[in-house]
C-alpha atoms as a PDB file:
ATOM      1  CA  UNK A   1     -92.994 -78.734  -4.662  1.00  0.00           C
ATOM      2  CA  UNK A   2     -93.406 -81.653  -6.958  1.00  0.00           C
ATOM      3  CA  UNK A   3     -96.398 -83.463  -7.629  1.00  0.00           C
ATOM      4  CA  UNK A   4     -95.775 -87.194  -7.575  1.00  0.00           C
ATOM      5  CA  UNK A   5     -97.522 -88.538 -10.776  1.00  0.00           C
ATOM      6  CA  UNK A   6     -98.435 -92.141 -11.168  1.00  0.00           C
ATOM      7  CA  UNK A   7     -96.435 -94.456 -12.731  1.00  0.00           C
ATOM      8  CA  UNK A   8     -97.520 -96.636 -16.238  1.00  0.00           C
ATOM      9  CA  UNK A   9    -100.212 -98.955 -15.626  1.00  0.00           C
ATOM     10  CA  UNK A  10    -101.073 -96.936 -12.145  1.00  0.00           C
ATOM     11  CA  UNK A  11    -104.562 -95.746 -11.888  1.00  0.00           C
ATOM     12  CA  UNK A  12    -104.666 -92.581 -10.394  1.00  0.00           C
ATOM     13  CA  UNK A  13    -106.146 -93.048  -6.914  1.00  0.00           C
ATOM     14  CA  UNK A  14    -109.069 -90.220  -8.008  1.00  0.00           C
ATOM     15  CA  UNK A  15    -110.046 -92.045 -10.684  1.00  0.00           C
ATOM     16  CA  UNK A  16    -110.490 -94.877  -8.261  1.00  0.00           C
ATOM     17  CA  UNK A  17    -112.369 -92.411  -6.194  1.00  0.00           C
ATOM     18  CA  UNK A  18    -114.633 -91.339  -8.949  1.00  0.00           C
ATOM     19  CA  UNK A  19    -115.548 -94.751 -10.496  1.00  0.00           C
ATOM     20  CA  UNK A  20    -116.440 -95.840  -7.041  1.00  0.00           C
ATOM     21  CA  UNK A  21    -118.723 -92.654  -5.892  1.00  0.00           C
ATOM     22  CA  UNK A  22    -121.924 -94.258  -6.994  1.00  0.00           C
ATOM     23  CA  UNK A  23    -121.609 -97.214  -4.998  1.00  0.00           C
ATOM     24  CA  UNK A  24    -119.993 -95.540  -1.343  1.00  0.00           C
ATOM     25  CA  UNK A  25    -124.029 -95.519   0.489  1.00  0.00           C
ATOM     26  CA  UNK A  26    -124.707 -98.986  -0.705  1.00  0.00           C
ATOM     27  CA  UNK A  27    -121.155 -99.755   0.814  1.00  0.00           C
ATOM     28  CA  UNK A  28    -122.360 -97.319   4.123  1.00  0.00           C
ATOM     29  CA  UNK A  29    -125.897 -99.445   3.755  1.00  0.00           C
ATOM     30  CA  UNK A  30    -123.767-102.564   4.512  1.00  0.00           C
ATOM     31  CA  UNK A  31    -121.345-101.605   6.564  1.00  0.00           C
ATOM     32  CA  UNK A  32    -124.234-100.595   8.928  1.00  0.00           C
ATOM     33  CA  UNK A  33    -126.120-103.352   9.215  1.00  0.00           C
ATOM     34  CA  UNK A  34    -123.414-105.547  10.582  1.00  0.00           C
ATOM     35  CA  UNK A  35    -121.880-103.320  12.380  1.00  0.00           C
ATOM     36  CA  UNK A  36    -125.398-103.423  14.571  1.00  0.00           C
ATOM     37  CA  UNK A  37    -125.699-106.270  14.355  1.00  0.00           C
ATOM     38  CA  UNK A  38    -122.902-107.260  16.307  1.00  0.00           C
ATOM     39  CA  UNK A  39    -123.639-104.618  18.366  1.00  0.00           C
ATOM     40  CA  UNK A  40    -126.601-105.471  18.961  1.00  0.00           C
ATOM     41  CA  UNK A  41    -128.960-109.009  19.482  1.00  0.00           C
ATOM     42  CA  UNK A  42    -132.482-107.255  18.616  1.00  0.00           C
ATOM     43  CA  UNK A  43    -130.743-105.749  14.852  1.00  0.00           C
ATOM     44  CA  UNK A  44    -130.962-108.127  12.426  1.00  0.00           C
ATOM     45  CA  UNK A  45    -134.150-110.028  13.330  1.00  0.00           C
ATOM     46  CA  UNK A  46    -137.207-110.208  11.252  1.00  0.00           C
ATOM     47  CA  UNK A  47    -139.129-108.156  13.857  1.00  0.00           C
ATOM     48  CA  UNK A  48    -136.415-105.077  13.819  1.00  0.00           C
ATOM     49  CA  UNK A  49    -136.980-105.221   9.858  1.00  0.00           C
ATOM     50  CA  UNK A  50    -140.809-105.040  10.049  1.00  0.00           C
ATOM     51  CA  UNK A  51    -139.812-101.753  12.333  1.00  0.00           C
ATOM     52  CA  UNK A  52    -137.296-100.149  10.054  1.00  0.00           C
ATOM     53  CA  UNK A  53    -139.598-100.581   6.813  1.00  0.00           C
ATOM     54  CA  UNK A  54    -142.271 -98.974   8.672  1.00  0.00           C
ATOM     55  CA  UNK A  55    -140.967 -96.238   9.816  1.00  0.00           C
ATOM     56  CA  UNK A  56    -138.600 -96.019   6.710  1.00  0.00           C
ATOM     57  CA  UNK A  57    -141.591 -95.692   4.822  1.00  0.00           C
ATOM     58  CA  UNK A  58    -142.909 -92.298   6.375  1.00  0.00           C
ATOM     59  CA  UNK A  59    -139.581 -90.693   5.702  1.00  0.00           C
ATOM     60  CA  UNK A  60    -139.202 -91.737   2.406  1.00  0.00           C
ATOM     61  CA  UNK A  61    -142.425 -91.036   0.974  1.00  0.00           C
ATOM     62  CA  UNK A  62    -141.825 -87.323   2.564  1.00  0.00           C
ATOM     63  CA  UNK A  63    -138.270 -87.321   0.209  1.00  0.00           C
ATOM     64  CA  UNK A  64    -140.077 -88.205  -2.850  1.00  0.00           C
ATOM     65  CA  UNK A  65    -141.816 -85.060  -3.666  1.00  0.00           C
ATOM     66  CA  UNK A  66    -138.795 -82.820  -2.292  1.00  0.00           C
ATOM     67  CA  UNK A  67    -135.986 -84.091  -3.950  1.00  0.00           C
ATOM     68  CA  UNK A  68    -137.490 -82.704  -7.240  1.00  0.00           C
ATOM     69  CA  UNK A  69    -137.368 -79.372  -5.182  1.00  0.00           C
ATOM     70  CA  UNK A  70    -133.761 -80.395  -4.442  1.00  0.00           C
ATOM     71  CA  UNK A  71    -132.688 -81.496  -7.698  1.00  0.00           C
ATOM     72  CA  UNK A  72    -133.855 -78.142  -9.524  1.00  0.00           C
ATOM     73  CA  UNK A  73    -131.751 -75.744  -7.463  1.00  0.00           C
ATOM     74  CA  UNK A  74    -134.621 -75.320  -4.768  1.00  0.00           C
ATOM     75  CA  UNK A  75    -135.161 -76.660  -1.017  1.00  0.00           C
ATOM     76  CA  UNK A  76    -138.793 -77.157   1.024  1.00  0.00           C
ATOM     77  CA  UNK A  77    -138.550 -77.026   4.811  1.00  0.00           C
ATOM     78  CA  UNK A  78    -142.151 -77.215   5.211  1.00  0.00           C
ATOM     79  CA  UNK A  79    -142.509 -80.881   4.513  1.00  0.00           C
ATOM     80  CA  UNK A  80    -142.726 -81.667   7.921  1.00  0.00           C
ATOM     81  CA  UNK A  81    -145.243 -79.382   9.185  1.00  0.00           C
ATOM     82  CA  UNK A  82    -147.698 -80.378   5.697  1.00  0.00           C
ATOM     83  CA  UNK A  83    -147.585 -83.448   7.079  1.00  0.00           C
ATOM     84  CA  UNK A  84    -148.810 -82.823  10.168  1.00  0.00           C
ATOM     85  CA  UNK A  85    -151.238 -80.502   8.399  1.00  0.00           C
ATOM     86  CA  UNK A  86    -152.816 -82.912   6.316  1.00  0.00           C
ATOM     87  CA  UNK A  87    -152.454 -85.663   9.567  1.00  0.00           C
ATOM     88  CA  UNK A  88    -154.179 -83.260  11.432  1.00  0.00           C
ATOM     89  CA  UNK A  89    -156.847 -82.377   8.899  1.00  0.00           C
ATOM     90  CA  UNK A  90    -157.197 -86.569   8.167  1.00  0.00           C
ATOM     91  CA  UNK A  91    -158.067 -87.476  11.573  1.00  0.00           C
ATOM     92  CA  UNK A  92    -160.747 -84.451  12.034  1.00  0.00           C
ATOM     93  CA  UNK A  93    -161.843 -86.140   8.250  1.00  0.00           C
ATOM     94  CA  UNK A  94    -162.116 -89.536   9.434  1.00  0.00           C
ATOM     95  CA  UNK A  95    -164.290 -88.096  12.909  1.00  0.00           C
ATOM     96  CA  UNK A  96    -167.128 -86.907  10.470  1.00  0.00           C
ATOM     97  CA  UNK A  97    -166.775 -89.072   7.735  1.00  0.00           C
ATOM     98  CA  UNK A  98    -165.196 -93.124   7.412  1.00  0.00           C
ATOM     99  CA  UNK A  99    -164.479 -93.021   4.060  1.00  0.00           C
ATOM    100  CA  UNK A 100    -161.514 -95.801   4.861  1.00  0.00           C
ATOM    101  CA  UNK A 101    -158.734 -95.948   2.368  1.00  0.00           C
ATOM    102  CA  UNK A 102    -160.370 -93.141  -0.241  1.00  0.00           C
ATOM    103  CA  UNK A 103    -159.040 -90.769   2.808  1.00  0.00           C
ATOM    104  CA  UNK A 104    -156.166 -90.467   0.867  1.00  0.00           C
ATOM    105  CA  UNK A 105    -157.630 -89.043  -2.233  1.00  0.00           C
ATOM    106  CA  UNK A 106    -158.381 -85.320  -0.134  1.00  0.00           C
ATOM    107  CA  UNK A 107    -154.949 -86.101   1.992  1.00  0.00           C
ATOM    108  CA  UNK A 108    -152.973 -85.667  -0.728  1.00  0.00           C
ATOM    109  CA  UNK A 109    -155.250 -83.195  -2.769  1.00  0.00           C
ATOM    110  CA  UNK A 110    -154.606 -81.310   0.219  1.00  0.00           C
ATOM    111  CA  UNK A 111    -150.897 -81.620   0.481  1.00  0.00           C
ATOM    112  CA  UNK A 112    -151.123 -80.788  -3.338  1.00  0.00           C
ATOM    113  CA  UNK A 113    -152.510 -77.145  -2.708  1.00  0.00           C
ATOM    114  CA  UNK A 114    -149.954 -76.627   0.000  1.00  0.00           C
ATOM    115  CA  UNK A 115    -146.881 -77.524  -2.118  1.00  0.00           C
ATOM    116  CA  UNK A 116    -149.021 -75.391  -5.211  1.00  0.00           C
ATOM    117  CA  UNK A 117    -149.216 -72.825  -2.643  1.00  0.00           C
ATOM    118  CA  UNK A 118    -145.549 -72.267  -2.349  1.00  0.00           C
ATOM    119  CA  UNK A 119    -144.867 -72.723  -5.684  1.00  0.00           C
ATOM    120  CA  UNK A 120    -146.695 -68.976  -6.438  1.00  0.00           C
ATOM    121  CA  UNK A 121    -144.991 -67.054  -3.562  1.00  0.00           C
ATOM    122  CA  UNK A 122    -141.757 -68.708  -4.711  1.00  0.00           C
ATOM    123  CA  UNK A 123    -141.551 -68.407  -8.282  1.00  0.00           C
ATOM    124  CA  UNK A 124    -143.794 -65.312  -9.157  1.00  0.00           C
ATOM    125  CA  UNK A 125    -142.664 -63.407  -5.831  1.00  0.00           C
ATOM    126  CA  UNK A 126    -138.970 -64.062  -5.845  1.00  0.00           C
ATOM    127  CA  UNK A 127    -138.646 -64.576  -2.658  1.00  0.00           C
ATOM    128  CA  UNK A 128    -136.109 -67.281  -1.780  1.00  0.00           C
ATOM    129  CA  UNK A 129    -137.312 -70.694  -1.771  1.00  0.00           C
ATOM    130  CA  UNK A 130    -135.858 -71.043   2.048  1.00  0.00           C
ATOM    131  CA  UNK A 131    -137.414 -67.855   3.070  1.00  0.00           C
ATOM    132  CA  UNK A 132    -141.054 -69.133   1.682  1.00  0.00           C
ATOM    133  CA  UNK A 133    -140.440 -71.772   3.048  1.00  0.00           C
ATOM    134  CA  UNK A 134    -139.641 -71.131   6.175  1.00  0.00           C
ATOM    135  CA  UNK A 135    -142.436 -68.900   6.921  1.00  0.00           C
ATOM    136  CA  UNK A 136    -145.050 -71.598   5.008  1.00  0.00           C
ATOM    137  CA  UNK A 137    -143.184 -73.713   8.031  1.00  0.00           C
ATOM    138  CA  UNK A 138    -144.874 -71.910  10.781  1.00  0.00           C
ATOM    139  CA  UNK A 139    -147.881 -71.008   8.786  1.00  0.00           C
ATOM    140  CA  UNK A 140    -148.919 -74.915   8.662  1.00  0.00           C
ATOM    141  CA  UNK A 141    -147.880 -75.947  12.245  1.00  0.00           C
ATOM    142  CA  UNK A 142    -150.047 -73.462  13.802  1.00  0.00           C
ATOM    143  CA  UNK A 143    -152.756 -73.411  11.273  1.00  0.00           C
ATOM    144  CA  UNK A 144    -152.183 -77.873  12.533  1.00  0.00           C
ATOM    145  CA  UNK A 145    -152.003 -77.285  16.471  1.00  0.00           C
ATOM    146  CA  UNK A 146    -155.158 -75.345  15.960  1.00  0.00           C
ATOM    147  CA  UNK A 147    -157.312 -77.841  14.133  1.00  0.00           C
ATOM    148  CA  UNK A 148    -155.626 -80.361  16.783  1.00  0.00           C
ATOM    149  CA  UNK A 149    -156.127 -78.086  19.990  1.00  0.00           C
ATOM    150  CA  UNK A 150    -152.416 -78.974  21.034  1.00  0.00           C
ATOM    151  CA  UNK A 151    -153.840 -82.718  21.889  1.00  0.00           C
ATOM    152  CA  UNK A 152    -153.610 -85.896  19.993  1.00  0.00           C
ATOM    153  CA  UNK A 153    -156.331 -86.742  18.017  1.00  0.00           C
ATOM    154  CA  UNK A 154    -157.689 -90.738  17.688  1.00  0.00           C
ATOM    155  CA  UNK A 155    -159.892 -91.905  15.204  1.00  0.00           C
ATOM    156  CA  UNK A 156    -161.608 -94.977  14.377  1.00  0.00           C
ATOM    157  CA  UNK A 157    -161.484 -96.458  11.129  1.00  0.00           C
ATOM    158  CA  UNK A 158    -160.148-100.068  11.149  1.00  0.00           C
ATOM    159  CA  UNK A 159    -159.929-100.119   7.516  1.00  0.00           C
ATOM    160  CA  UNK A 160    -157.459 -97.066   7.164  1.00  0.00           C
ATOM    161  CA  UNK A 161    -156.007 -98.427  10.013  1.00  0.00           C
ATOM    162  CA  UNK A 162    -155.002-101.514   8.312  1.00  0.00           C
ATOM    163  CA  UNK A 163    -154.011 -99.477   5.019  1.00  0.00           C
ATOM    164  CA  UNK A 164    -150.848 -98.839   6.986  1.00  0.00           C
ATOM    165  CA  UNK A 165    -150.114-101.658   9.332  1.00  0.00           C
ATOM    166  CA  UNK A 166    -152.003-104.468   6.909  1.00  0.00           C
ATOM    167  CA  UNK A 167    -149.297-107.388   5.165  1.00  0.00           C
ATOM    168  CA  UNK A 168    -150.538-108.067   1.997  1.00  0.00           C
ATOM    169  CA  UNK A 169    -147.265-109.948   2.008  1.00  0.00           C
ATOM    170  CA  UNK A 170    -145.825-111.432   5.479  1.00  0.00           C
ATOM    171  CA  UNK A 171    -143.323-108.890   6.944  1.00  0.00           C
ATOM    172  CA  UNK A 172    -143.321-106.249   4.984  1.00  0.00           C
ATOM    173  CA  UNK A 173    -146.254-103.348   6.345  1.00  0.00           C
ATOM    174  CA  UNK A 174    -148.661-101.751   3.246  1.00  0.00           C
ATOM    175  CA  UNK A 175    -146.983 -98.428   4.081  1.00  0.00           C
ATOM    176  CA  UNK A 176    -144.030 -99.805   3.243  1.00  0.00           C
ATOM    177  CA  UNK A 177    -145.603-101.510  -0.260  1.00  0.00           C
ATOM    178  CA  UNK A 178    -146.752 -98.650  -1.076  1.00  0.00           C
ATOM    179  CA  UNK A 179    -144.359 -96.361  -0.164  1.00  0.00           C
ATOM    180  CA  UNK A 180    -141.849 -98.731  -2.997  1.00  0.00           C
ATOM    181  CA  UNK A 181    -144.277 -98.340  -5.838  1.00  0.00           C
ATOM    182  CA  UNK A 182    -144.413 -94.670  -5.314  1.00  0.00           C
ATOM    183  CA  UNK A 183    -141.192 -94.484  -5.219  1.00  0.00           C
ATOM    184  CA  UNK A 184    -140.541 -96.516  -8.600  1.00  0.00           C
ATOM    185  CA  UNK A 185    -143.446 -94.137  -9.818  1.00  0.00           C
ATOM    186  CA  UNK A 186    -141.142 -91.353  -8.910  1.00  0.00           C
ATOM    187  CA  UNK A 187    -138.137 -92.780 -10.427  1.00  0.00           C
ATOM    188  CA  UNK A 188    -140.101 -93.764 -13.720  1.00  0.00           C
ATOM    189  CA  UNK A 189    -141.325 -89.670 -13.326  1.00  0.00           C
ATOM    190  CA  UNK A 190    -137.566 -88.664 -13.155  1.00  0.00           C
ATOM    191  CA  UNK A 191    -136.024 -90.273 -16.589  1.00  0.00           C
ATOM    192  CA  UNK A 192    -139.120 -90.916 -18.165  1.00  0.00           C
ATOM    193  CA  UNK A 193    -141.008 -87.687 -18.338  1.00  0.00           C
ATOM    194  CA  UNK A 194    -140.106 -84.130 -19.630  1.00  0.00           C
ATOM    195  CA  UNK A 195    -140.533 -82.765 -15.765  1.00  0.00           C
ATOM    196  CA  UNK A 196    -138.015 -84.876 -14.721  1.00  0.00           C
ATOM    197  CA  UNK A 197    -136.237 -83.914 -17.567  1.00  0.00           C
ATOM    198  CA  UNK A 198    -136.806 -80.423 -16.402  1.00  0.00           C
ATOM    199  CA  UNK A 199    -135.875 -80.616 -13.104  1.00  0.00           C
ATOM    200  CA  UNK A 200    -132.188 -81.270 -13.879  1.00  0.00           C
ATOM    201  CA  UNK A 201    -131.871 -78.636 -16.936  1.00  0.00           C
ATOM    202  CA  UNK A 202    -133.473 -75.655 -14.577  1.00  0.00           C
ATOM    203  CA  UNK A 203    -131.218 -76.832 -11.661  1.00  0.00           C
ATOM    204  CA  UNK A 204    -127.763 -77.447 -13.771  1.00  0.00           C
ATOM    205  CA  UNK A 205    -128.630 -73.499 -14.549  1.00  0.00           C
ATOM    206  CA  UNK A 206    -131.467 -71.671 -14.186  1.00  0.00           C
ATOM    207  CA  UNK A 207    -130.546 -68.933 -16.499  1.00  0.00           C
ATOM    208  CA  UNK A 208    -129.933 -71.402 -19.234  1.00  0.00           C
ATOM    209  CA  UNK A 209    -133.536 -73.142 -19.159  1.00  0.00           C
ATOM    210  CA  UNK A 210    -135.009 -69.372 -19.321  1.00  0.00           C
ATOM    211  CA  UNK A 211    -132.391 -69.264 -22.884  1.00  0.00           C
ATOM    212  CA  UNK A 212    -133.591 -72.164 -23.726  1.00  0.00           C
ATOM    213  CA  UNK A 213    -137.148 -71.227 -24.049  1.00  0.00           C
ATOM    214  CA  UNK A 214    -138.034 -73.779 -20.907  1.00  0.00           C
ATOM    215  CA  UNK A 215    -141.105 -72.734 -18.487  1.00  0.00           C
ATOM    216  CA  UNK A 216    -139.095 -72.468 -15.529  1.00  0.00           C
ATOM    217  CA  UNK A 217    -141.997 -70.170 -13.495  1.00  0.00           C
ATOM    218  CA  UNK A 218    -144.848 -73.129 -14.008  1.00  0.00           C
ATOM    219  CA  UNK A 219    -142.056 -75.809 -13.877  1.00  0.00           C
ATOM    220  CA  UNK A 220    -141.207 -74.414 -10.409  1.00  0.00           C
ATOM    221  CA  UNK A 221    -144.792 -74.847  -9.196  1.00  0.00           C
ATOM    222  CA  UNK A 222    -145.506 -78.020 -10.553  1.00  0.00           C
ATOM    223  CA  UNK A 223    -142.083 -79.133  -7.975  1.00  0.00           C
ATOM    224  CA  UNK A 224    -143.725 -77.434  -5.307  1.00  0.00           C
ATOM    225  CA  UNK A 225    -147.260 -79.388  -5.978  1.00  0.00           C
ATOM    226  CA  UNK A 226    -145.417 -83.020  -6.036  1.00  0.00           C
ATOM    227  CA  UNK A 227    -143.570 -82.033  -2.881  1.00  0.00           C
ATOM    228  CA  UNK A 228    -147.193 -81.413  -0.906  1.00  0.00           C
ATOM    229  CA  UNK A 229    -148.837 -84.219  -3.048  1.00  0.00           C
ATOM    230  CA  UNK A 230    -146.059 -86.393  -1.811  1.00  0.00           C
ATOM    231  CA  UNK A 231    -146.127 -85.183   2.306  1.00  0.00           C
ATOM    232  CA  UNK A 232    -149.618 -84.790   1.914  1.00  0.00           C
ATOM    233  CA  UNK A 233    -149.720 -89.104   1.123  1.00  0.00           C
ATOM    234  CA  UNK A 234    -147.008 -89.084   4.129  1.00  0.00           C
ATOM    235  CA  UNK A 235    -148.847 -87.858   6.268  1.00  0.00           C
ATOM    236  CA  UNK A 236    -152.155 -89.782   5.795  1.00  0.00           C
ATOM    237  CA  UNK A 237    -150.220 -92.886   5.755  1.00  0.00           C
ATOM    238  CA  UNK A 238    -148.604 -91.684   9.004  1.00  0.00           C
ATOM    239  CA  UNK A 239    -151.674 -91.324  11.051  1.00  0.00           C
ATOM    240  CA  UNK A 240    -152.995 -94.946   9.547  1.00  0.00           C
ATOM    241  CA  UNK A 241    -149.513 -96.105  11.353  1.00  0.00           C
ATOM    242  CA  UNK A 242    -149.776 -94.773  14.756  1.00  0.00           C
ATOM    243  CA  UNK A 243    -153.826 -94.554  14.836  1.00  0.00           C
ATOM    244  CA  UNK A 244    -153.777 -90.933  15.582  1.00  0.00           C
ATOM    245  CA  UNK A 245    -152.276 -87.592  14.742  1.00  0.00           C
ATOM    246  CA  UNK A 246    -150.236 -84.793  17.360  1.00  0.00           C
ATOM    247  CA  UNK A 247    -148.421 -81.909  17.676  1.00  0.00           C
ATOM    248  CA  UNK A 248    -144.965 -83.620  16.974  1.00  0.00           C
ATOM    249  CA  UNK A 249    -146.033 -85.386  13.756  1.00  0.00           C
ATOM    250  CA  UNK A 250    -143.655 -85.066  11.596  1.00  0.00           C
ATOM    251  CA  UNK A 251    -141.101 -83.209  13.884  1.00  0.00           C
ATOM    252  CA  UNK A 252    -138.392 -84.702  12.875  1.00  0.00           C
ATOM    253  CA  UNK A 253    -138.913 -84.805   9.025  1.00  0.00           C
ATOM    254  CA  UNK A 254    -137.410 -81.212   8.863  1.00  0.00           C
ATOM    255  CA  UNK A 255    -134.281 -82.482   9.197  1.00  0.00           C
ATOM    256  CA  UNK A 256    -134.379 -86.250   8.192  1.00  0.00           C
ATOM    257  CA  UNK A 257    -135.596 -85.304   4.720  1.00  0.00           C
ATOM    258  CA  UNK A 258    -132.752 -83.245   3.707  1.00  0.00           C
ATOM    259  CA  UNK A 259    -130.588 -85.337   5.704  1.00  0.00           C
ATOM    260  CA  UNK A 260    -131.802 -88.701   3.288  1.00  0.00           C
ATOM    261  CA  UNK A 261    -132.178 -86.485   0.315  1.00  0.00           C
ATOM    262  CA  UNK A 262    -128.661 -85.485   0.568  1.00  0.00           C
ATOM    263  CA  UNK A 263    -127.158 -88.555   2.079  1.00  0.00           C
ATOM    264  CA  UNK A 264    -128.381 -90.604  -0.880  1.00  0.00           C
ATOM    265  CA  UNK A 265    -126.132 -88.003  -3.226  1.00  0.00           C
ATOM    266  CA  UNK A 266    -128.694 -85.487  -4.449  1.00  0.00           C
ATOM    267  CA  UNK A 267    -126.791 -82.108  -4.957  1.00  0.00           C
ATOM    268  CA  UNK A 268    -128.340 -79.048  -2.788  1.00  0.00           C
ATOM    269  CA  UNK A 269    -126.979 -77.232  -5.707  1.00  0.00           C
ATOM    270  CA  UNK A 270    -128.757 -78.859  -7.798  1.00  0.00           C
ATOM    271  CA  UNK A 271    -128.910 -80.728 -11.555  1.00  0.00           C
ATOM    272  CA  UNK A 272    -127.257 -83.847  -9.786  1.00  0.00           C
ATOM    273  CA  UNK A 273    -128.784 -87.090  -8.051  1.00  0.00           C
ATOM    274  CA  UNK A 274    -132.352 -87.881  -8.576  1.00  0.00           C
ATOM    275  CA  UNK A 275    -134.885 -89.780  -6.432  1.00  0.00           C
ATOM    276  CA  UNK A 276    -133.408 -93.284  -7.221  1.00  0.00           C
ATOM    277  CA  UNK A 277    -130.944 -91.800  -4.466  1.00  0.00           C
ATOM    278  CA  UNK A 278    -132.724 -90.991  -1.738  1.00  0.00           C
ATOM    279  CA  UNK A 279    -133.762 -94.416  -1.366  1.00  0.00           C
ATOM    280  CA  UNK A 280    -130.365 -95.900  -0.422  1.00  0.00           C
ATOM    281  CA  UNK A 281    -130.833 -92.298   1.977  1.00  0.00           C
ATOM    282  CA  UNK A 282    -133.548 -92.738   3.479  1.00  0.00           C
ATOM    283  CA  UNK A 283    -131.945 -96.516   4.354  1.00  0.00           C
ATOM    284  CA  UNK A 284    -129.123 -95.104   5.927  1.00  0.00           C
ATOM    285  CA  UNK A 285    -130.684 -92.802   8.299  1.00  0.00           C
ATOM    286  CA  UNK A 286    -133.423 -95.505   8.964  1.00  0.00           C
ATOM    287  CA  UNK A 287    -131.101 -97.543   9.889  1.00  0.00           C
ATOM    288  CA  UNK A 288    -128.739 -95.049  11.836  1.00  0.00           C
ATOM    289  CA  UNK A 289    -132.047 -94.399  14.296  1.00  0.00           C
ATOM    290  CA  UNK A 290    -133.010 -97.618  14.591  1.00  0.00           C
ATOM    291  CA  UNK A 291    -129.111 -98.717  15.390  1.00  0.00           C
ATOM    292  CA  UNK A 292    -128.760 -95.945  17.516  1.00  0.00           C
ATOM    293  CA  UNK A 293    -132.367 -96.799  19.338  1.00  0.00           C
ATOM    294  CA  UNK A 294    -131.234-100.607  19.727  1.00  0.00           C
ATOM    295  CA  UNK A 295    -127.410 -99.982  21.216  1.00  0.00           C
ATOM    296  CA  UNK A 296    -129.851 -97.192  24.242  1.00  0.00           C
ATOM    297  CA  UNK A 297    -127.884 -93.911  21.962  1.00  0.00           C
ATOM    298  CA  UNK A 298    -129.104 -91.051  24.001  1.00  0.00           C
ATOM    299  CA  UNK A 299    -131.699 -89.497  21.100  1.00  0.00           C
ATOM    300  CA  UNK A 300    -129.344 -85.890  21.851  1.00  0.00           C
ATOM    301  CA  UNK A 301    -126.566 -87.972  21.059  1.00  0.00           C
ATOM    302  CA  UNK A 302    -128.165 -88.687  17.789  1.00  0.00           C
ATOM    303  CA  UNK A 303    -129.041 -85.721  16.884  1.00  0.00           C
ATOM    304  CA  UNK A 304    -125.298 -84.376  16.475  1.00  0.00           C
ATOM    305  CA  UNK A 305    -124.086 -88.207  15.132  1.00  0.00           C
ATOM    306  CA  UNK A 306    -127.454 -87.196  12.326  1.00  0.00           C
ATOM    307  CA  UNK A 307    -125.938 -83.193  12.202  1.00  0.00           C
ATOM    308  CA  UNK A 308    -122.508 -84.921  11.346  1.00  0.00           C
ATOM    309  CA  UNK A 309    -123.746 -87.685   8.776  1.00  0.00           C
ATOM    310  CA  UNK A 310    -125.056 -84.709   6.733  1.00  0.00           C
ATOM    311  CA  UNK A 311    -121.935 -82.491   6.759  1.00  0.00           C
ATOM    312  CA  UNK A 312    -119.738 -85.212   5.931  1.00  0.00           C
ATOM    313  CA  UNK A 313    -122.567 -86.888   3.064  1.00  0.00           C
ATOM    314  CA  UNK A 314    -122.377 -83.208   1.304  1.00  0.00           C
END
């Protein structure tokens, strides 16, 4: 069997694919906007844009810390459960003391402590991150349901609610503005700090990182603590956006966070990608959700579609 080589002056098709690869997610976003705009009249509207940005913000916030965990070659399956638990604690806290916007601080702290607990067990227990976070997913979910007593709890704090649904910029919910600023800060952390550089090194080869003298265990704990802190912020703002915390809060984040991070271009094997790409992945998943809903596609079919999208992305 002979392999045909490109003629002189003719570019190798594989080289073309490699050059276009970074642009493929953006091309997918543009194609989805065009398709859903033609498929339904209600998609390409200002009202739907506001709704999409509000929904995508919780997902983006939840993905920010989890991206660093995946970047170092690990995984955090407990992000959705941490969002639920922090959301439940936030509602209970608002029922006792109305701290308004300051409620975000204890939410972030609780999330960081939950993530740190995952990190300690993973780093010092010698247990794979998949197993650790799968177990903590159950623990955090059960704790949240105990707090909520199996029902949705509402709160009465105008200032805290306005933090998410208010609009400093017309047609752009405050939660979306917060998410964009948080994303920009994490991009800076990813490329301009020692922590971000070490995530790439550890993900590229943990044994090499240890040989080079990097404190791998410590940075594993840092990564999971950041994942928890981001989930805590997402949980508090999700509660502020819907005005309540219920047993189903964050239930869709297990699949959606992994899907958004992978679709954005961060490799599950670690060392490739980054939080800058996660934004595009979040846009793809959010546009897919909104477009399929606008078209009236069954939610179970939507799960099938998203699963196929993740497989194709990988």
